[in-house]
């Protein structure tokens, strides 16, 4: 009897050992993959949000509203804000349509008032730069190119 016990193919009281992944291991693996996928999407969303915020800071919307805000900066008492408004208007004046829009919303008149009431040379210089940029026209640039 003892000999029969030793020569059996499957031992009694021993549990089969599985060296491959168990069903619990597969569940763990699928949970881990799902977590990695969710973290990946979270990182993508954070990146997209950061890129959007940076984009709005670097490339501002250059519409009529921003021109109106620049003209309103010319009416503030602080010379720094006046210079900023004049500088923005000078950058907006890149074609005849935008130059006319600046004149229509009163930018040229406010620049003249700023030039007249400025107390320092830097403010006067920014006002002159903006007036010069507004006074250019597409015909002037075509004549100078010929």
Protein backbone atom coordinates (compact mmCIF):
# COMPACT_ATOMS: atom_id res chain seq x y z
CA UNK A 1 0.00 0.00 0.00
CA UNK A 2 2.75 2.39 0.84
CA UNK A 3 4.41 1.62 -2.50
CA UNK A 4 1.20 2.32 -4.34
CA UNK A 5 1.00 5.64 -2.57
CA UNK A 6 4.50 6.62 -3.71
CA UNK A 7 3.98 5.67 -7.31
CA UNK A 8 0.72 7.49 -7.89
CA UNK A 9 0.71 10.06 -10.61
CA UNK A 10 -1.23 12.68 -8.72
CA UNK A 11 -0.23 13.05 -5.13
CA UNK A 12 -2.90 13.19 -2.48
CA UNK A 13 -3.30 16.40 -0.46
CA UNK A 14 -1.31 18.51 -2.89
CA UNK A 15 -2.78 21.38 -4.81
CA UNK A 16 -1.90 21.83 -8.44
CA UNK A 17 0.51 24.70 -9.02
CA UNK A 18 -0.21 27.06 -11.85
CA UNK A 19 2.74 28.91 -13.20
CA UNK A 20 0.69 30.83 -15.75
CA UNK A 21 -1.48 33.80 -14.84
CA UNK A 22 -4.53 32.92 -12.84
CA UNK A 23 -7.99 34.35 -13.40
CA UNK A 24 -7.26 36.78 -10.58
CA UNK A 25 -4.07 37.86 -12.38
CA UNK A 26 -6.02 38.57 -15.55
CA UNK A 27 -8.43 40.75 -13.61
CA UNK A 28 -5.51 42.59 -12.06
CA UNK A 29 -3.98 43.09 -15.48
CA UNK A 30 -7.20 44.42 -17.00
CA UNK A 31 -7.68 46.79 -14.05
CA UNK A 32 -4.12 48.01 -14.47
CA UNK A 33 -4.60 48.58 -18.21
CA UNK A 34 -7.83 50.47 -17.59
CA UNK A 35 -6.11 52.64 -14.98
CA UNK A 36 -3.25 53.38 -17.40
CA UNK A 37 -5.75 54.30 -20.10
CA UNK A 38 -7.63 56.66 -17.75
CA UNK A 39 -4.41 58.29 -16.57
CA UNK A 40 -3.37 58.69 -20.20
CA UNK A 41 -6.60 60.48 -21.03
CA UNK A 42 -6.24 62.66 -17.95
CA UNK A 43 -2.73 63.67 -18.98
CA UNK A 44 -3.95 64.41 -22.52
CA UNK A 45 -6.73 66.62 -21.17
CA UNK A 46 -4.33 68.46 -18.87
CA UNK A 47 -1.97 69.02 -21.81
CA UNK A 48 -4.78 70.25 -24.07
CA UNK A 49 -6.03 72.61 -21.35
CA UNK A 50 -2.55 73.98 -20.73
CA UNK A 51 -1.97 74.46 -24.46
CA UNK A 52 -5.28 76.31 -24.76
CA UNK A 53 -4.47 78.66 -21.89
CA UNK A 54 -1.00 79.36 -23.28
CA UNK A 55 -2.45 79.90 -26.74
CA UNK A 56 -4.88 82.49 -25.46
CA UNK A 57 -2.05 84.29 -23.65
CA UNK A 58 0.39 84.27 -26.58
CA UNK A 59 -1.99 84.70 -29.52
CA UNK A 60 -4.74 87.07 -28.41
CA UNK A 61 -7.94 87.38 -30.36
CA UNK A 62 -7.39 90.35 -32.63
CA UNK A 63 -10.93 91.53 -33.23
CA UNK A 64 -12.90 94.72 -32.83
CA UNK A 65 -13.30 94.12 -29.12
CA UNK A 66 -9.53 94.17 -28.55
CA UNK A 67 -9.20 97.34 -30.63
CA UNK A 68 -11.92 98.96 -28.54
CA UNK A 69 -10.10 97.94 -25.36
CA UNK A 70 -6.88 99.44 -26.72
CA UNK A 71 -8.65 102.72 -27.44
CA UNK A 72 -10.11 102.73 -23.95
CA UNK A 73 -6.58 102.28 -22.55
CA UNK A 74 -5.71 105.64 -24.12
CA UNK A 75 -8.29 107.32 -21.85
CA UNK A 76 -6.74 106.10 -18.58
CA UNK A 77 -4.66 108.56 -16.55
CA UNK A 78 -1.69 106.23 -16.06
CA UNK A 79 0.97 106.84 -18.78
CA UNK A 80 1.99 103.16 -18.79
CA UNK A 81 -1.51 102.06 -19.82
CA UNK A 82 -1.64 104.83 -22.41
CA UNK A 83 1.63 103.59 -23.92
CA UNK A 84 0.33 100.03 -23.92
CA UNK A 85 -2.86 101.09 -25.73
CA UNK A 86 -0.91 103.09 -28.29
CA UNK A 87 1.50 100.23 -28.87
CA UNK A 88 -1.37 97.80 -29.42
CA UNK A 89 -3.05 100.15 -31.88
CA UNK A 90 0.21 100.50 -33.80
CA UNK A 91 0.43 96.70 -34.06
CA UNK A 92 -3.20 96.42 -35.21
CA UNK A 93 -2.72 98.96 -38.02
CA UNK A 94 -1.41 96.47 -40.58
CA UNK A 95 -3.90 97.06 -43.40
CA UNK A 96 -6.25 99.81 -44.57
CA UNK A 97 -9.36 98.09 -43.22
CA UNK A 98 -7.99 97.92 -39.68
CA UNK A 99 -6.63 101.46 -39.86
CA UNK A 100 -10.06 102.73 -40.84
CA UNK A 101 -11.66 100.76 -38.02
CA UNK A 102 -9.25 102.36 -35.52
CA UNK A 103 -10.16 105.82 -36.85
CA UNK A 104 -13.89 105.00 -36.76
CA UNK A 105 -13.83 103.97 -33.10
CA UNK A 106 -12.00 107.17 -32.18
CA UNK A 107 -8.47 105.89 -31.82
CA UNK A 108 -6.83 108.65 -33.84
CA UNK A 109 -8.52 111.41 -31.84
CA UNK A 110 -7.59 109.80 -28.53
CA UNK A 111 -3.99 109.44 -29.73
CA UNK A 112 -3.91 113.17 -30.55
CA UNK A 113 -5.32 113.97 -27.09
CA UNK A 114 -2.72 111.67 -25.56
CA UNK A 115 0.06 113.39 -27.51
CA UNK A 116 -1.17 116.80 -26.35
CA UNK A 117 -1.55 115.89 -22.67
CA UNK A 118 1.48 113.59 -22.27
CA UNK A 119 3.98 114.64 -19.62
CA UNK A 120 6.86 112.35 -20.57
CA UNK A 121 8.69 111.70 -23.82
CA UNK A 122 8.12 107.94 -23.86
CA UNK A 123 4.36 108.44 -23.90
CA UNK A 124 4.63 111.03 -26.68
CA UNK A 125 6.88 108.70 -28.66
CA UNK A 126 4.36 105.81 -28.45
CA UNK A 127 1.54 108.12 -29.49
CA UNK A 128 3.58 109.31 -32.51
CA UNK A 129 4.43 105.72 -33.48
CA UNK A 130 0.77 104.75 -33.36
CA UNK A 131 -0.31 107.82 -35.33
CA UNK A 132 2.37 107.07 -37.92
CA UNK A 133 1.18 103.47 -38.23
CA UNK A 134 -2.44 104.58 -38.61
CA UNK A 135 -1.56 107.25 -41.18
CA UNK A 136 0.09 104.78 -43.54
CA UNK A 137 -1.99 103.44 -46.38
CA UNK A 138 -1.73 100.54 -48.80
CA UNK A 139 -1.05 103.00 -51.64
CA UNK A 140 1.94 104.48 -49.79
CA UNK A 141 3.52 101.06 -49.41
CA UNK A 142 2.91 100.28 -53.08
CA UNK A 143 4.58 103.55 -54.13
CA UNK A 144 7.62 102.92 -51.94
CA UNK A 145 8.02 99.40 -53.37
CA UNK A 146 8.26 100.74 -56.94
